[in-house]
Amino acid sequence: MRIALALVLLGVGGVTSHAQTKKSPSRIGYDKPLSTRPDYKLVTNLSDEFNGTKLDGSKWLDHMSYWNGRGSEFLPSNVSVANGCLQLKTSIKDEGALKELYTTLDTALTGSAREIDVNSWSPIDYGAAWDADKLSEPVLYAKLMKIGMQAIGASAVMSHKPGAKPGYYFEARLKTSRICMSSSFWLQGGGSEFDITESYGTHNLDMRTDWFRQIPYKIVTSTWWCDAPKETPKFGSMEYLTPAKVGDEFFVLGFLWAEAEVKVFYNDRLVLSRDLRGVKQIDYKVFASLKHIIFDTEVLLGPWLGWPTKAQLTDPLSNTFYIDWIRVWEPAG
């Protein structure tokens, strides 16, 4: 009953009082004050305004304790708190390995061994010759992911304890990076996972289709029973197209985790929902385990979006995923 009442309150207007306390041009976007949650109380050990000068080590790890990254390695040195935001950067870990990565891609796509200029290489230059099917062939893909771990630095922050649980409402004010690496906000633990969003600020391919044009506007939400038997059907992802590019301005993403249903809110408007009883082979109770809260960047869709260029990896205006704050709520009663 409280959750139902709170859902009504979730639509209460968005003001900029919090934004006004952080006077920076990068603060442009949606915001609202804490007082719009009168029937909820803040879960302080899972919430953070990121107003300090370093990560709060009592709440967060500057890496993931059980995962090093995909196609890029999580580096604690890429995690910082500055200007009122948690900042997750991408970087060049090793330029020699980056050249090897670009050379391996070029050889696979052209069938010839050529000298690659790491400073000017770009997936967009391949045009129609870019072959995602070839690049996602298992042996080649595994090789690209391995070289990528040596070449590219990514970043992750994970809550110390798996304290997220059903009944909580999660919200974060985000602005994604503007490169073709994921900027993700997710919950994982106990063999199941909620990807609240995996978003991409851009793609690096010359593909003039609606799917590619929509990439910088997508909120992509997924539900995973990670320990499911191989033949178990998947829930699949849900997508919402935002009115502004996810890397151009801040937005508030909310996630209500009820016992048998999850709901996603964009700037306090309900945009996606999923009944966890929707796949008959999956008992919705498998999702009820305590979960870590995670923010991270990774190379997830290289064959389909392209790999980031050297210029993108080193551009501070493009290579950073910003988290202004995260607030986790539980019913007040």
C-alpha atoms as a PDB file:
ATOM      1  CA  MET A   1       0.000   0.000   0.000  1.00  0.00           C
ATOM      2  CA  ARG A   2       2.838   2.365   0.861  1.00  0.00           C
ATOM      3  CA  ILE A   3       4.592   1.610  -2.389  1.00  0.00           C
ATOM      4  CA  ALA A   4       1.401   2.312  -4.322  1.00  0.00           C
ATOM      5  CA  LEU A   5       1.031   5.651  -2.516  1.00  0.00           C
ATOM      6  CA  ALA A   6       4.666   6.500  -3.070  1.00  0.00           C
ATOM      7  CA  LEU A   7       4.317   5.845  -6.790  1.00  0.00           C
ATOM      8  CA  VAL A   8       1.796   8.645  -6.957  1.00  0.00           C
ATOM      9  CA  LEU A   9       4.250  10.922  -5.176  1.00  0.00           C
ATOM     10  CA  LEU A  10       7.042  10.051  -7.585  1.00  0.00           C
ATOM     11  CA  GLY A  11       5.489  12.383 -10.124  1.00  0.00           C
ATOM     12  CA  VAL A  12       5.820  15.467  -7.902  1.00  0.00           C
ATOM     13  CA  GLY A  13       7.637  18.175  -9.853  1.00  0.00           C
ATOM     14  CA  GLY A  14      11.323  18.488 -10.602  1.00  0.00           C
ATOM     15  CA  VAL A  15      13.015  21.643  -9.312  1.00  0.00           C
ATOM     16  CA  THR A  16      16.621  22.709  -9.363  1.00  0.00           C
ATOM     17  CA  SER A  17      17.355  23.553  -5.728  1.00  0.00           C
ATOM     18  CA  HIS A  18      20.091  20.916  -5.460  1.00  0.00           C
ATOM     19  CA  ALA A  19      21.544  21.980  -8.798  1.00  0.00           C
ATOM     20  CA  GLN A  20      21.680  25.585  -7.633  1.00  0.00           C
ATOM     21  CA  THR A  21      24.027  24.605  -4.805  1.00  0.00           C
ATOM     22  CA  LYS A  22      26.533  23.276  -7.364  1.00  0.00           C
ATOM     23  CA  LYS A  23      27.139  26.168  -9.714  1.00  0.00           C
ATOM     24  CA  SER A  24      28.718  24.590 -12.743  1.00  0.00           C
ATOM     25  CA  PRO A  25      27.618  24.597 -16.397  1.00  0.00           C
ATOM     26  CA  SER A  26      27.780  20.807 -16.349  1.00  0.00           C
ATOM     27  CA  ARG A  27      24.846  20.776 -13.917  1.00  0.00           C
ATOM     28  CA  ILE A  28      22.368  21.487 -16.723  1.00  0.00           C
ATOM     29  CA  GLY A  29      19.496  18.995 -16.604  1.00  0.00           C
ATOM     30  CA  TYR A  30      16.731  17.694 -14.402  1.00  0.00           C
ATOM     31  CA  ASP A  31      16.952  17.673 -10.585  1.00  0.00           C
ATOM     32  CA  LYS A  32      14.714  17.755  -7.523  1.00  0.00           C
ATOM     33  CA  PRO A  33      15.037  18.074  -3.719  1.00  0.00           C
ATOM     34  CA  LEU A  34      14.838  15.354  -1.092  1.00  0.00           C
ATOM     35  CA  SER A  35      11.477  16.646   0.132  1.00  0.00           C
ATOM     36  CA  THR A  36       9.658  15.020  -2.790  1.00  0.00           C
ATOM     37  CA  ARG A  37       9.823  11.655  -0.954  1.00  0.00           C
ATOM     38  CA  PRO A  38       7.624  12.268   2.140  1.00  0.00           C
ATOM     39  CA  ASP A  39       6.482   8.636   2.464  1.00  0.00           C
ATOM     40  CA  TYR A  40      10.001   7.257   2.113  1.00  0.00           C
ATOM     41  CA  LYS A  41      13.069   7.545   4.287  1.00  0.00           C
ATOM     42  CA  LEU A  42      16.611   7.736   2.982  1.00  0.00           C
ATOM     43  CA  VAL A  43      18.829   4.651   3.282  1.00  0.00           C
ATOM     44  CA  THR A  44      21.916   6.647   4.197  1.00  0.00           C
ATOM     45  CA  ASN A  45      24.503   3.874   3.929  1.00  0.00           C
ATOM     46  CA  LEU A  46      23.574   3.346   0.249  1.00  0.00           C
ATOM     47  CA  SER A  47      23.112   7.024  -0.659  1.00  0.00           C
ATOM     48  CA  ASP A  48      25.748   9.601  -1.527  1.00  0.00           C
ATOM     49  CA  GLU A  49      25.753  13.216  -2.729  1.00  0.00           C
ATOM     50  CA  PHE A  50      29.437  13.006  -3.809  1.00  0.00           C
ATOM     51  CA  ASN A  51      30.159  16.463  -2.443  1.00  0.00           C
ATOM     52  CA  GLY A  52      33.602  15.652  -1.076  1.00  0.00           C
ATOM     53  CA  THR A  53      37.024  15.393  -2.639  1.00  0.00           C
ATOM     54  CA  LYS A  54      37.431  11.618  -2.566  1.00  0.00           C
ATOM     55  CA  LEU A  55      35.336   8.470  -2.677  1.00  0.00           C
ATOM     56  CA  ASP A  56      33.770   7.501   0.651  1.00  0.00           C
ATOM     57  CA  GLY A  57      35.605   4.264   1.386  1.00  0.00           C
ATOM     58  CA  SER A  58      33.089   3.302   4.062  1.00  0.00           C
ATOM     59  CA  LYS A  59      30.420   2.947   1.349  1.00  0.00           C
ATOM     60  CA  TRP A  60      32.186   2.237  -1.921  1.00  0.00           C
ATOM     61  CA  LEU A  61      34.948   0.242  -3.574  1.00  0.00           C
ATOM     62  CA  ASP A  62      36.801   1.932  -6.444  1.00  0.00           C
ATOM     63  CA  HIS A  63      36.599  -1.293  -8.452  1.00  0.00           C
ATOM     64  CA  MET A  64      34.526  -4.473  -8.534  1.00  0.00           C
ATOM     65  CA  SER A  65      35.712  -7.169  -6.162  1.00  0.00           C
ATOM     66  CA  TYR A  66      34.843 -10.054  -8.513  1.00  0.00           C
ATOM     67  CA  TRP A  67      35.017  -8.622 -12.043  1.00  0.00           C
ATOM     68  CA  ASN A  68      37.884  -6.796 -13.801  1.00  0.00           C
ATOM     69  CA  GLY A  69      35.962  -5.401 -16.750  1.00  0.00           C
ATOM     70  CA  ARG A  70      35.146  -6.406 -20.329  1.00  0.00           C
ATOM     71  CA  GLY A  71      37.322  -5.307 -23.238  1.00  0.00           C
ATOM     72  CA  SER A  72      38.837  -2.742 -20.867  1.00  0.00           C
ATOM     73  CA  GLU A  73      40.140  -2.999 -17.311  1.00  0.00           C
ATOM     74  CA  PHE A  74      38.659  -1.288 -14.268  1.00  0.00           C
ATOM     75  CA  LEU A  75      41.348   1.033 -12.911  1.00  0.00           C
ATOM     76  CA  PRO A  76      40.938   2.655  -9.490  1.00  0.00           C
ATOM     77  CA  SER A  77      42.977   5.575 -10.833  1.00  0.00           C
ATOM     78  CA  ASN A  78      40.081   6.371 -13.197  1.00  0.00           C
ATOM     79  CA  VAL A  79      37.685   6.895 -10.270  1.00  0.00           C
ATOM     80  CA  SER A  80      37.457  10.315  -8.642  1.00  0.00           C
ATOM     81  CA  VAL A  81      35.096  12.625  -6.781  1.00  0.00           C
ATOM     82  CA  ALA A  82      35.309  16.266  -7.831  1.00  0.00           C
ATOM     83  CA  ASN A  83      33.060  19.251  -8.485  1.00  0.00           C
ATOM     84  CA  GLY A  84      30.175  17.545  -6.695  1.00  0.00           C
ATOM     85  CA  CYS A  85      30.197  14.392  -8.831  1.00  0.00           C
ATOM     86  CA  LEU A  86      31.483  10.872  -8.860  1.00  0.00           C
ATOM     87  CA  GLN A  87      33.506  10.728 -12.086  1.00  0.00           C
ATOM     88  CA  LEU A  88      34.226   7.461 -13.890  1.00  0.00           C
ATOM     89  CA  LYS A  89      36.750   8.009 -16.643  1.00  0.00           C
ATOM     90  CA  THR A  90      38.110   5.907 -19.482  1.00  0.00           C
ATOM     91  CA  SER A  91      41.735   6.126 -20.517  1.00  0.00           C
ATOM     92  CA  ILE A  92      44.565   4.607 -22.503  1.00  0.00           C
ATOM     93  CA  LYS A  93      46.174   1.975 -20.326  1.00  0.00           C
ATOM     94  CA  ASP A  94      48.939   1.065 -22.774  1.00  0.00           C
ATOM     95  CA  GLU A  95      49.373   2.738 -26.162  1.00  0.00           C
ATOM     96  CA  GLY A  96      51.296  -0.195 -27.595  1.00  0.00           C
ATOM     97  CA  ALA A  97      48.422  -2.518 -26.755  1.00  0.00           C
ATOM     98  CA  LEU A  98      45.972   0.030 -28.176  1.00  0.00           C
ATOM     99  CA  LYS A  99      47.854  -0.069 -31.477  1.00  0.00           C
ATOM    100  CA  GLU A 100      47.733  -3.882 -31.367  1.00  0.00           C
ATOM    101  CA  LEU A 101      43.963  -3.699 -30.799  1.00  0.00           C
ATOM    102  CA  TYR A 102      43.433  -1.375 -33.768  1.00  0.00           C
ATOM    103  CA  THR A 103      45.786  -3.462 -35.928  1.00  0.00           C
ATOM    104  CA  THR A 104      43.945  -6.681 -35.058  1.00  0.00           C
ATOM    105  CA  LEU A 105      40.638  -5.057 -36.014  1.00  0.00           C
ATOM    106  CA  ASP A 106      42.086  -3.717 -39.249  1.00  0.00           C
ATOM    107  CA  THR A 107      43.553  -7.075 -40.271  1.00  0.00           C
ATOM    108  CA  ALA A 108      40.285  -8.863 -39.554  1.00  0.00           C
ATOM    109  CA  LEU A 109      38.319  -6.358 -41.621  1.00  0.00           C
ATOM    110  CA  THR A 110      40.681  -5.867 -44.556  1.00  0.00           C
ATOM    111  CA  GLY A 111      42.442  -9.233 -44.728  1.00  0.00           C
ATOM    112  CA  SER A 112      45.845  -7.567 -44.954  1.00  0.00           C
ATOM    113  CA  ALA A 113      48.558  -6.511 -42.518  1.00  0.00           C
ATOM    114  CA  ARG A 114      49.020  -2.745 -42.568  1.00  0.00           C
ATOM    115  CA  GLU A 115      50.796  -0.184 -40.448  1.00  0.00           C
ATOM    116  CA  ILE A 116      48.202   1.543 -38.270  1.00  0.00           C
ATOM    117  CA  ASP A 117      48.497   5.117 -37.063  1.00  0.00           C
ATOM    118  CA  VAL A 118      47.081   4.903 -33.559  1.00  0.00           C
ATOM    119  CA  ASN A 119      46.508   8.674 -33.535  1.00  0.00           C
ATOM    120  CA  SER A 120      44.125   8.716 -36.496  1.00  0.00           C
ATOM    121  CA  TRP A 121      42.520   5.240 -36.538  1.00  0.00           C
ATOM    122  CA  SER A 122      38.719   5.268 -36.437  1.00  0.00           C
ATOM    123  CA  PRO A 123      36.007   2.651 -37.071  1.00  0.00           C
ATOM    124  CA  ILE A 124      34.014   5.156 -39.104  1.00  0.00           C
ATOM    125  CA  ASP A 125      36.668   5.052 -41.840  1.00  0.00           C
ATOM    126  CA  TYR A 126      35.750   1.450 -42.718  1.00  0.00           C
ATOM    127  CA  GLY A 127      32.255   2.407 -43.829  1.00  0.00           C
ATOM    128  CA  ALA A 128      30.313  -0.584 -45.163  1.00  0.00           C
ATOM    129  CA  ALA A 129      33.393  -2.811 -44.729  1.00  0.00           C
ATOM    130  CA  TRP A 130      32.847  -2.868 -40.982  1.00  0.00           C
ATOM    131  CA  ASP A 131      31.622  -6.422 -40.356  1.00  0.00           C
ATOM    132  CA  ALA A 132      30.074  -6.917 -36.905  1.00  0.00           C
ATOM    133  CA  ASP A 133      29.388 -10.607 -37.547  1.00  0.00           C
ATOM    134  CA  LYS A 134      33.055 -11.272 -38.277  1.00  0.00           C
ATOM    135  CA  LEU A 135      34.231  -9.280 -35.249  1.00  0.00           C
ATOM    136  CA  SER A 136      31.828 -11.124 -32.946  1.00  0.00           C
ATOM    137  CA  GLU A 137      33.022 -14.577 -34.032  1.00  0.00           C
ATOM    138  CA  PRO A 138      33.940 -16.213 -30.682  1.00  0.00           C
ATOM    139  CA  VAL A 139      37.690 -16.764 -31.157  1.00  0.00           C
ATOM    140  CA  LEU A 140      38.341 -13.324 -32.645  1.00  0.00           C
ATOM    141  CA  TYR A 141      36.041 -11.607 -30.149  1.00  0.00           C
ATOM    142  CA  ALA A 142      37.836 -13.254 -27.222  1.00  0.00           C
ATOM    143  CA  LYS A 143      41.170 -12.066 -28.642  1.00  0.00           C
ATOM    144  CA  LEU A 144      39.879  -8.503 -29.024  1.00  0.00           C
ATOM    145  CA  MET A 145      38.539  -8.508 -25.481  1.00  0.00           C
ATOM    146  CA  LYS A 146      41.882  -9.749 -24.134  1.00  0.00           C
ATOM    147  CA  ILE A 147      43.889  -7.100 -25.967  1.00  0.00           C
ATOM    148  CA  GLY A 148      41.347  -4.494 -24.920  1.00  0.00           C
ATOM    149  CA  MET A 149      41.951  -5.343 -21.259  1.00  0.00           C
ATOM    150  CA  GLN A 150      45.609  -4.489 -21.816  1.00  0.00           C
ATOM    151  CA  ALA A 151      44.936  -1.366 -23.880  1.00  0.00           C
ATOM    152  CA  ILE A 152      41.991   0.506 -22.388  1.00  0.00           C
ATOM    153  CA  GLY A 153      41.353   1.675 -18.842  1.00  0.00           C
ATOM    154  CA  ALA A 154      37.740   1.676 -17.667  1.00  0.00           C
ATOM    155  CA  SER A 155      36.267   2.316 -14.215  1.00  0.00           C
ATOM    156  CA  ALA A 156      33.800   0.958 -11.686  1.00  0.00           C
ATOM    157  CA  VAL A 157      32.406   1.764  -8.261  1.00  0.00           C
ATOM    158  CA  MET A 158      30.586  -0.872  -6.213  1.00  0.00           C
ATOM    159  CA  SER A 159      28.874  -0.664  -2.845  1.00  0.00           C
ATOM    160  CA  HIS A 160      30.892  -2.407  -0.132  1.00  0.00           C
ATOM    161  CA  LYS A 161      27.973  -4.551   0.938  1.00  0.00           C
ATOM    162  CA  PRO A 162      25.076  -6.094  -1.010  1.00  0.00           C
ATOM    163  CA  GLY A 163      22.509  -3.990   0.823  1.00  0.00           C
ATOM    164  CA  ALA A 164      20.015  -3.329  -1.996  1.00  0.00           C
ATOM    165  CA  LYS A 165      16.771  -5.251  -1.521  1.00  0.00           C
ATOM    166  CA  PRO A 166      13.137  -5.482  -2.656  1.00  0.00           C
ATOM    167  CA  GLY A 167      10.955  -2.587  -1.555  1.00  0.00           C
ATOM    168  CA  TYR A 168      13.697  -0.016  -2.150  1.00  0.00           C
ATOM    169  CA  TYR A 169      13.481   2.831  -4.618  1.00  0.00           C
ATOM    170  CA  PHE A 170      16.798   3.761  -6.261  1.00  0.00           C
ATOM    171  CA  GLU A 171      17.501   6.982  -8.088  1.00  0.00           C
ATOM    172  CA  ALA A 172      20.622   8.557  -9.487  1.00  0.00           C
ATOM    173  CA  ARG A 173      21.337  11.760 -11.360  1.00  0.00           C
ATOM    174  CA  LEU A 174      23.529  10.823 -14.308  1.00  0.00           C
ATOM    175  CA  LYS A 175      25.252  12.094 -17.415  1.00  0.00           C
ATOM    176  CA  THR A 176      26.875   9.422 -19.563  1.00  0.00           C
ATOM    177  CA  SER A 177      30.206   9.588 -21.321  1.00  0.00           C
ATOM    178  CA  ARG A 178      30.160  10.533 -25.013  1.00  0.00           C
ATOM    179  CA  ILE A 179      32.135   7.572 -26.287  1.00  0.00           C
ATOM    180  CA  CYS A 180      31.039   4.149 -27.469  1.00  0.00           C
ATOM    181  CA  MET A 181      31.621   2.503 -24.101  1.00  0.00           C
ATOM    182  CA  SER A 182      28.802   1.738 -21.710  1.00  0.00           C
ATOM    183  CA  SER A 183      27.825   4.035 -18.854  1.00  0.00           C
ATOM    184  CA  SER A 184      25.920   1.673 -16.575  1.00  0.00           C
ATOM    185  CA  PHE A 185      23.914   1.762 -13.338  1.00  0.00           C
ATOM    186  CA  TRP A 186      23.016  -1.702 -12.068  1.00  0.00           C
ATOM    187  CA  LEU A 187      22.317  -4.042  -9.167  1.00  0.00           C
ATOM    188  CA  GLN A 188      23.822  -7.513  -8.855  1.00  0.00           C
ATOM    189  CA  GLY A 189      24.000 -10.233  -6.233  1.00  0.00           C
ATOM    190  CA  GLY A 190      22.801 -13.698  -5.331  1.00  0.00           C
ATOM    191  CA  GLY A 191      22.882 -14.944  -8.906  1.00  0.00           C
ATOM    192  CA  SER A 192      20.622 -12.275 -10.406  1.00  0.00           C
ATOM    193  CA  GLU A 193      20.959  -8.786 -11.828  1.00  0.00           C
ATOM    194  CA  PHE A 194      19.034  -5.663 -12.759  1.00  0.00           C
ATOM    195  CA  ASP A 195      20.711  -3.452 -15.357  1.00  0.00           C
ATOM    196  CA  ILE A 196      18.871  -0.233 -14.635  1.00  0.00           C
ATOM    197  CA  THR A 197      20.577   1.213 -17.666  1.00  0.00           C
ATOM    198  CA  GLU A 198      23.423   0.476 -20.050  1.00  0.00           C
ATOM    199  CA  SER A 199      23.682   3.675 -22.077  1.00  0.00           C
ATOM    200  CA  TYR A 200      26.066   4.901 -24.777  1.00  0.00           C
ATOM    201  CA  GLY A 201      26.775   8.521 -25.579  1.00  0.00           C
ATOM    202  CA  THR A 202      27.649   7.766 -29.194  1.00  0.00           C
ATOM    203  CA  HIS A 203      28.644   5.114 -31.711  1.00  0.00           C
ATOM    204  CA  ASN A 204      31.661   5.134 -34.010  1.00  0.00           C
ATOM    205  CA  LEU A 205      30.226   3.662 -37.190  1.00  0.00           C
ATOM    206  CA  ASP A 206      28.963   5.257 -40.392  1.00  0.00           C
ATOM    207  CA  MET A 207      25.535   3.629 -40.293  1.00  0.00           C
ATOM    208  CA  ARG A 208      22.553   5.776 -41.229  1.00  0.00           C
ATOM    209  CA  THR A 209      19.757   3.723 -39.716  1.00  0.00           C
ATOM    210  CA  ASP A 210      17.226   4.530 -37.013  1.00  0.00           C
ATOM    211  CA  TRP A 211      18.861   2.028 -34.653  1.00  0.00           C
ATOM    212  CA  PHE A 212      22.181   3.878 -34.826  1.00  0.00           C
ATOM    213  CA  ARG A 213      20.601   7.331 -34.688  1.00  0.00           C
ATOM    214  CA  GLN A 214      18.805   6.313 -31.498  1.00  0.00           C
ATOM    215  CA  ILE A 215      21.903   5.061 -29.633  1.00  0.00           C
ATOM    216  CA  PRO A 216      22.667   8.371 -27.806  1.00  0.00           C
ATOM    217  CA  TYR A 217      19.035   8.606 -26.621  1.00  0.00           C
ATOM    218  CA  LYS A 218      18.574   5.125 -25.186  1.00  0.00           C
ATOM    219  CA  ILE A 219      17.888   3.907 -21.684  1.00  0.00           C
ATOM    220  CA  VAL A 220      18.312   0.130 -21.918  1.00  0.00           C
ATOM    221  CA  THR A 221      17.051  -1.888 -18.935  1.00  0.00           C
ATOM    222  CA  SER A 222      17.595  -5.634 -18.562  1.00  0.00           C
ATOM    223  CA  THR A 223      16.727  -8.342 -16.056  1.00  0.00           C
ATOM    224  CA  TRP A 224      18.969 -11.386 -15.684  1.00  0.00           C
ATOM    225  CA  TRP A 225      18.792 -14.602 -13.763  1.00  0.00           C
ATOM    226  CA  CYS A 226      22.524 -15.179 -14.061  1.00  0.00           C
ATOM    227  CA  ASP A 227      22.409 -18.721 -12.663  1.00  0.00           C
ATOM    228  CA  ALA A 228      19.590 -19.887 -14.929  1.00  0.00           C
ATOM    229  CA  PRO A 229      19.958 -23.241 -16.706  1.00  0.00           C
ATOM    230  CA  LYS A 230      21.169 -22.747 -20.261  1.00  0.00           C
ATOM    231  CA  GLU A 231      17.814 -23.468 -21.902  1.00  0.00           C
ATOM    232  CA  THR A 232      15.841 -21.007 -19.738  1.00  0.00           C
ATOM    233  CA  PRO A 233      14.150 -18.237 -21.773  1.00  0.00           C
ATOM    234  CA  LYS A 234      15.467 -14.705 -21.218  1.00  0.00           C
ATOM    235  CA  PHE A 235      13.458 -11.665 -20.267  1.00  0.00           C
ATOM    236  CA  GLY A 236      15.161  -9.533 -22.903  1.00  0.00           C
ATOM    237  CA  SER A 237      15.873  -5.822 -22.657  1.00  0.00           C
ATOM    238  CA  MET A 238      13.478  -2.881 -22.477  1.00  0.00           C
ATOM    239  CA  GLU A 239      14.277   0.451 -24.119  1.00  0.00           C
ATOM    240  CA  TYR A 240      13.176   4.033 -23.657  1.00  0.00           C
ATOM    241  CA  LEU A 241      14.182   6.879 -25.972  1.00  0.00           C
ATOM    242  CA  THR A 242      14.981  10.031 -24.024  1.00  0.00           C
ATOM    243  CA  PRO A 243      14.115  13.509 -25.354  1.00  0.00           C
ATOM    244  CA  ALA A 244      17.730  14.676 -24.904  1.00  0.00           C
ATOM    245  CA  LYS A 245      20.968  12.830 -25.556  1.00  0.00           C
ATOM    246  CA  VAL A 246      22.097  10.949 -22.451  1.00  0.00           C
ATOM    247  CA  GLY A 247      25.570  12.499 -22.715  1.00  0.00           C
ATOM    248  CA  ASP A 248      24.397  16.095 -23.192  1.00  0.00           C
ATOM    249  CA  GLU A 249      22.664  16.832 -19.893  1.00  0.00           C
ATOM    250  CA  PHE A 250      21.959  15.279 -16.526  1.00  0.00           C
ATOM    251  CA  PHE A 251      18.838  13.184 -16.024  1.00  0.00           C
ATOM    252  CA  VAL A 252      17.391  11.394 -13.017  1.00  0.00           C
ATOM    253  CA  LEU A 253      16.863   7.679 -13.396  1.00  0.00           C
ATOM    254  CA  GLY A 254      14.662   5.932 -10.838  1.00  0.00           C
ATOM    255  CA  PHE A 255      14.184   2.230 -10.238  1.00  0.00           C
ATOM    256  CA  LEU A 256      11.431   0.818  -8.041  1.00  0.00           C
ATOM    257  CA  TRP A 257      12.086  -2.769  -7.024  1.00  0.00           C
ATOM    258  CA  ALA A 258       8.908  -4.408  -5.802  1.00  0.00           C
ATOM    259  CA  GLU A 259       8.716  -8.088  -4.940  1.00  0.00           C
ATOM    260  CA  ALA A 260       7.323  -9.212  -8.304  1.00  0.00           C
ATOM    261  CA  GLU A 261       7.676  -6.125 -10.486  1.00  0.00           C
ATOM    262  CA  VAL A 262      10.237  -3.462 -11.363  1.00  0.00           C
ATOM    263  CA  LYS A 263       9.588   0.019 -12.715  1.00  0.00           C
ATOM    264  CA  VAL A 264      11.904   2.556 -14.323  1.00  0.00           C
ATOM    265  CA  PHE A 265      11.374   6.312 -14.082  1.00  0.00           C
ATOM    266  CA  TYR A 266      13.011   8.964 -16.248  1.00  0.00           C
ATOM    267  CA  ASN A 267      12.883  12.428 -14.643  1.00  0.00           C
ATOM    268  CA  ASP A 268      10.090  11.160 -12.357  1.00  0.00           C
ATOM    269  CA  ARG A 269       7.982   9.820 -15.196  1.00  0.00           C
ATOM    270  CA  LEU A 270       7.237   6.111 -15.399  1.00  0.00           C
ATOM    271  CA  VAL A 271       8.701   4.895 -18.706  1.00  0.00           C
ATOM    272  CA  LEU A 272       9.254   1.135 -18.347  1.00  0.00           C
ATOM    273  CA  SER A 273       7.925  -1.712 -16.222  1.00  0.00           C
ATOM    274  CA  ARG A 274       8.403  -5.449 -16.019  1.00  0.00           C
ATOM    275  CA  ASP A 275       6.442  -8.210 -14.310  1.00  0.00           C
ATOM    276  CA  LEU A 276       9.049 -10.587 -12.858  1.00  0.00           C
ATOM    277  CA  ARG A 277       6.491 -13.372 -13.232  1.00  0.00           C
ATOM    278  CA  GLY A 278       6.517 -12.864 -16.999  1.00  0.00           C
ATOM    279  CA  VAL A 279       8.715 -15.888 -17.787  1.00  0.00           C
ATOM    280  CA  LYS A 280       6.973 -18.981 -16.448  1.00  0.00           C
ATOM    281  CA  GLN A 281      10.233 -20.945 -16.183  1.00  0.00           C
ATOM    282  CA  ILE A 282      11.623 -18.364 -13.717  1.00  0.00           C
ATOM    283  CA  ASP A 283      10.380 -18.035 -10.158  1.00  0.00           C
ATOM    284  CA  TYR A 284      10.395 -14.283  -9.427  1.00  0.00           C
ATOM    285  CA  LYS A 285      11.765 -15.040  -5.952  1.00  0.00           C
ATOM    286  CA  VAL A 286      15.199 -15.753  -7.470  1.00  0.00           C
ATOM    287  CA  PHE A 287      15.602 -11.980  -7.791  1.00  0.00           C
ATOM    288  CA  ALA A 288      14.967 -11.266  -4.104  1.00  0.00           C
ATOM    289  CA  SER A 289      18.591 -11.645  -2.945  1.00  0.00           C
ATOM    290  CA  LEU A 290      20.552  -8.689  -1.559  1.00  0.00           C
ATOM    291  CA  LYS A 291      22.484  -6.860  -4.270  1.00  0.00           C
ATOM    292  CA  HIS A 292      25.437  -4.552  -4.732  1.00  0.00           C
ATOM    293  CA  ILE A 293      24.904  -1.143  -6.336  1.00  0.00           C
ATOM    294  CA  ILE A 294      27.332  -0.667  -9.235  1.00  0.00           C
ATOM    295  CA  PHE A 295      28.260   2.121 -11.622  1.00  0.00           C
ATOM    296  CA  ASP A 296      30.750   1.284 -14.356  1.00  0.00           C
ATOM    297  CA  THR A 297      32.076   1.775 -17.876  1.00  0.00           C
ATOM    298  CA  GLU A 298      33.080  -1.083 -20.190  1.00  0.00           C
ATOM    299  CA  VAL A 299      33.564  -2.050 -23.834  1.00  0.00           C
ATOM    300  CA  LEU A 300      30.349  -4.024 -24.304  1.00  0.00           C
ATOM    301  CA  LEU A 301      29.256  -3.647 -27.926  1.00  0.00           C
ATOM    302  CA  GLY A 302      32.485  -3.072 -29.843  1.00  0.00           C
ATOM    303  CA  PRO A 303      31.522  -5.113 -32.927  1.00  0.00           C
ATOM    304  CA  TRP A 304      28.169  -3.333 -33.184  1.00  0.00           C
ATOM    305  CA  LEU A 305      29.060   0.250 -32.124  1.00  0.00           C
ATOM    306  CA  GLY A 306      32.782   0.422 -32.883  1.00  0.00           C
ATOM    307  CA  TRP A 307      35.726   0.824 -30.525  1.00  0.00           C
ATOM    308  CA  PRO A 308      36.672   4.192 -29.020  1.00  0.00           C
ATOM    309  CA  THR A 309      39.462   6.121 -30.732  1.00  0.00           C
ATOM    310  CA  LYS A 310      42.581   7.439 -29.043  1.00  0.00           C
ATOM    311  CA  ALA A 311      41.196  10.971 -29.283  1.00  0.00           C
ATOM    312  CA  GLN A 312      37.976   9.962 -27.509  1.00  0.00           C
ATOM    313  CA  LEU A 313      39.781   8.053 -24.785  1.00  0.00           C
ATOM    314  CA  THR A 314      41.876  11.100 -23.920  1.00  0.00           C
ATOM    315  CA  ASP A 315      39.238  13.833 -24.327  1.00  0.00           C
ATOM    316  CA  PRO A 316      38.012  15.020 -20.888  1.00  0.00           C
ATOM    317  CA  LEU A 317      34.867  16.411 -22.513  1.00  0.00           C
ATOM    318  CA  SER A 318      33.934  12.950 -23.801  1.00  0.00           C
ATOM    319  CA  ASN A 319      35.521  10.234 -21.676  1.00  0.00           C
ATOM    320  CA  THR A 320      33.756  10.684 -18.313  1.00  0.00           C
ATOM    321  CA  PHE A 321      30.572   9.202 -16.857  1.00  0.00           C
ATOM    322  CA  TYR A 322      29.202  11.581 -14.207  1.00  0.00           C
ATOM    323  CA  ILE A 323      27.072  10.574 -11.218  1.00  0.00           C
ATOM    324  CA  ASP A 324      25.853  13.686  -9.395  1.00  0.00           C
ATOM    325  CA  TRP A 325      24.185  11.711  -6.611  1.00  0.00           C
ATOM    326  CA  ILE A 326      22.525   8.436  -5.728  1.00  0.00           C
ATOM    327  CA  ARG A 327      19.627   8.273  -3.265  1.00  0.00           C
ATOM    328  CA  VAL A 328      18.140   5.027  -2.064  1.00  0.00           C
ATOM    329  CA  TRP A 329      14.788   5.046  -0.271  1.00  0.00           C
ATOM    330  CA  GLU A 330      12.725   2.633   1.770  1.00  0.00           C
ATOM    331  CA  PRO A 331       9.098   2.962   2.927  1.00  0.00           C
ATOM    332  CA  ALA A 332       8.960   5.122   6.046  1.00  0.00           C
ATOM    333  CA  GLY A 333       6.539   2.921   7.992  1.00  0.00           C
END
